[in-house]
Each structure stands twice: as C-alpha cells, then as structure tokens.
C-alpha atoms as a PDB file:
ATOM      1  CA  MET A   1      67.197 113.110 115.861  1.00  0.00           C
ATOM      2  CA  SER A   2      66.153 110.706 118.579  1.00  0.00           C
ATOM      3  CA  THR A   3      68.561 109.324 121.191  1.00  0.00           C
ATOM      4  CA  LYS A   4      68.333 106.017 119.573  1.00  0.00           C
ATOM      5  CA  ASP A   5      69.373 107.444 116.230  1.00  0.00           C
ATOM      6  CA  GLU A   6      72.228 109.441 117.870  1.00  0.00           C
ATOM      7  CA  ARG A   7      73.636 106.310 119.456  1.00  0.00           C
ATOM      8  CA  LEU A   8      73.535 104.438 116.122  1.00  0.00           C
ATOM      9  CA  VAL A   9      75.432 107.275 114.488  1.00  0.00           C
ATOM     10  CA  LEU A  10      77.951 107.375 117.312  1.00  0.00           C
ATOM     11  CA  LEU A  11      78.503 103.577 117.052  1.00  0.00           C
ATOM     12  CA  GLY A  12      79.112 103.907 113.363  1.00  0.00           C
ATOM     13  CA  GLN A  13      81.543 106.709 113.908  1.00  0.00           C
ATOM     14  CA  GLN A  14      83.392 104.703 116.542  1.00  0.00           C
ATOM     15  CA  ILE A  15      83.692 101.697 114.143  1.00  0.00           C
ATOM     16  CA  LYS A  16      85.075 104.005 111.464  1.00  0.00           C
ATOM     17  CA  LYS A  17      87.477 105.732 113.885  1.00  0.00           C
ATOM     18  CA  ILE A  18      88.876 102.364 115.174  1.00  0.00           C
ATOM     19  CA  ARG A  19      89.069 100.932 111.727  1.00  0.00           C
ATOM     20  CA  LYS A  20      91.031 103.849 110.437  1.00  0.00           C
ATOM     21  CA  SER A  21      93.332 103.860 113.525  1.00  0.00           C
ATOM     22  CA  LYS A  22      94.120 100.224 112.637  1.00  0.00           C
ATOM     23  CA  LYS A  23      94.809 101.322 109.070  1.00  0.00           C
ATOM     24  CA  VAL A  24      92.211  98.933 107.637  1.00  0.00           C
ATOM     25  CA  SER A  25      90.312  99.923 104.504  1.00  0.00           C
ATOM     26  CA  GLN A  26      86.522  99.731 104.270  1.00  0.00           C
ATOM     27  CA  LEU A  27      86.953  97.230 101.397  1.00  0.00           C
ATOM     28  CA  ASN A  28      89.363  95.041 103.311  1.00  0.00           C
ATOM     29  CA  LEU A  29      87.178  94.969 106.472  1.00  0.00           C
ATOM     30  CA  SER A  30      83.990  94.406 104.484  1.00  0.00           C
ATOM     31  CA  ILE A  31      85.468  91.413 102.702  1.00  0.00           C
ATOM     32  CA  LYS A  32      86.570  89.870 105.976  1.00  0.00           C
ATOM     33  CA  LEU A  33      83.110  90.477 107.365  1.00  0.00           C
ATOM     34  CA  GLY A  34      81.443  88.934 104.358  1.00  0.00           C
ATOM     35  CA  ILE A  35      79.390  92.034 103.614  1.00  0.00           C
ATOM     36  CA  THR A  36      79.644  94.620 100.835  1.00  0.00           C
ATOM     37  CA  ARG A  37      81.744  97.786 101.197  1.00  0.00           C
ATOM     38  CA  GLU A  38      78.468  99.719 100.717  1.00  0.00           C
ATOM     39  CA  HIS A  39      76.901  97.864 103.679  1.00  0.00           C
ATOM     40  CA  LEU A  40      79.936  98.720 105.915  1.00  0.00           C
ATOM     41  CA  SER A  41      79.645 102.338 104.780  1.00  0.00           C
ATOM     42  CA  LYS A  42      75.975 102.391 105.903  1.00  0.00           C
ATOM     43  CA  LEU A  43      77.000 100.880 109.244  1.00  0.00           C
ATOM     44  CA  GLU A  44      79.662 103.533 109.741  1.00  0.00           C
ATOM     45  CA  ARG A  45      77.279 106.328 108.845  1.00  0.00           C
ATOM     46  CA  GLY A  46      74.536 105.020 111.224  1.00  0.00           C
ATOM     47  CA  VAL A  47      72.156 104.390 108.357  1.00  0.00           C
ATOM     48  CA  THR A  48      71.553 100.771 109.183  1.00  0.00           C
ATOM     49  CA  TYR A  49      71.718  98.671 112.293  1.00  0.00           C
ATOM     50  CA  PRO A  50      74.593  96.171 112.630  1.00  0.00           C
ATOM     51  CA  SER A  51      73.744  92.666 113.694  1.00  0.00           C
ATOM     52  CA  VAL A  52      75.352  91.322 116.923  1.00  0.00           C
ATOM     53  CA  LYS A  53      77.131  88.767 114.771  1.00  0.00           C
ATOM     54  CA  ILE A  54      78.684  91.644 112.685  1.00  0.00           C
ATOM     55  CA  LEU A  55      79.629  93.534 115.847  1.00  0.00           C
ATOM     56  CA  PHE A  56      81.400  90.549 117.330  1.00  0.00           C
ATOM     57  CA  ALA A  57      83.139  89.974 113.984  1.00  0.00           C
ATOM     58  CA  ILE A  58      84.309  93.578 113.950  1.00  0.00           C
ATOM     59  CA  VAL A  59      85.665  93.247 117.479  1.00  0.00           C
ATOM     60  CA  ASP A  60      87.565  90.046 116.529  1.00  0.00           C
ATOM     61  CA  LEU A  61      88.900  91.404 113.232  1.00  0.00           C
ATOM     62  CA  LEU A  62      90.085  94.711 114.633  1.00  0.00           C
ATOM     63  CA  ASN A  63      91.488  92.996 117.764  1.00  0.00           C
ATOM     64  CA  ILE A  64      89.586  95.231 120.205  1.00  0.00           C
ATOM     65  CA  LYS A  65      87.277  94.749 123.200  1.00  0.00           C
ATOM     66  CA  PHE A  66      83.579  95.016 122.704  1.00  0.00           C
ATOM     67  CA  LYS A  67      83.444  97.872 125.182  1.00  0.00           C
ATOM     68  CA  ASP A  68      85.764  99.846 122.842  1.00  0.00           C
ATOM     69  CA  LEU A  69      82.874  99.965 120.308  1.00  0.00           C
ATOM     70  CA  ILE A  70      80.471 101.540 122.701  1.00  0.00           C
ATOM     71  CA  ASN A  71      82.895 103.841 124.525  1.00  0.00           C
ATOM     72  CA  PHE A  72      81.644 107.095 123.016  1.00  0.00           C
END
C-alpha cells in the first residue's frame, strides 16, 4: 500500500473514531451530510476520497477542529 493510500485509510479511521466517540450513527451523519450511508462507509474505510466540502461538513457536524481529522 502506498503512503497516499495509507493516509486515506487513516483519515477514514479517524472520521469513524470521532463519529463513534460522539455517538453518531453512520446513517444519521450521512443524512446530515447529504450522502448515502454506503458513501460514508466507503469514506471511513478509505475506499474513496472525500471532497473538501464533505470534510468541512464533517468538522462542523461533529463539532471538531479540522486538525482533529488529520491528527493520526
């Protein structure tokens, strides 16, 4: 796995970890993001790249700082 792929997986794991710590379901967050639960699942597994718009929305919805997403 390349470094780029590893970072994408780590980002997804961080999103999932923070989401769970906030006790937010995948379905609930995906609805608020305007994406499908399946799409959020792919983001959390590092299968697909999130847009900057989605990342900022995640930060806002989970009430965290952007640096918290990339602190892995």
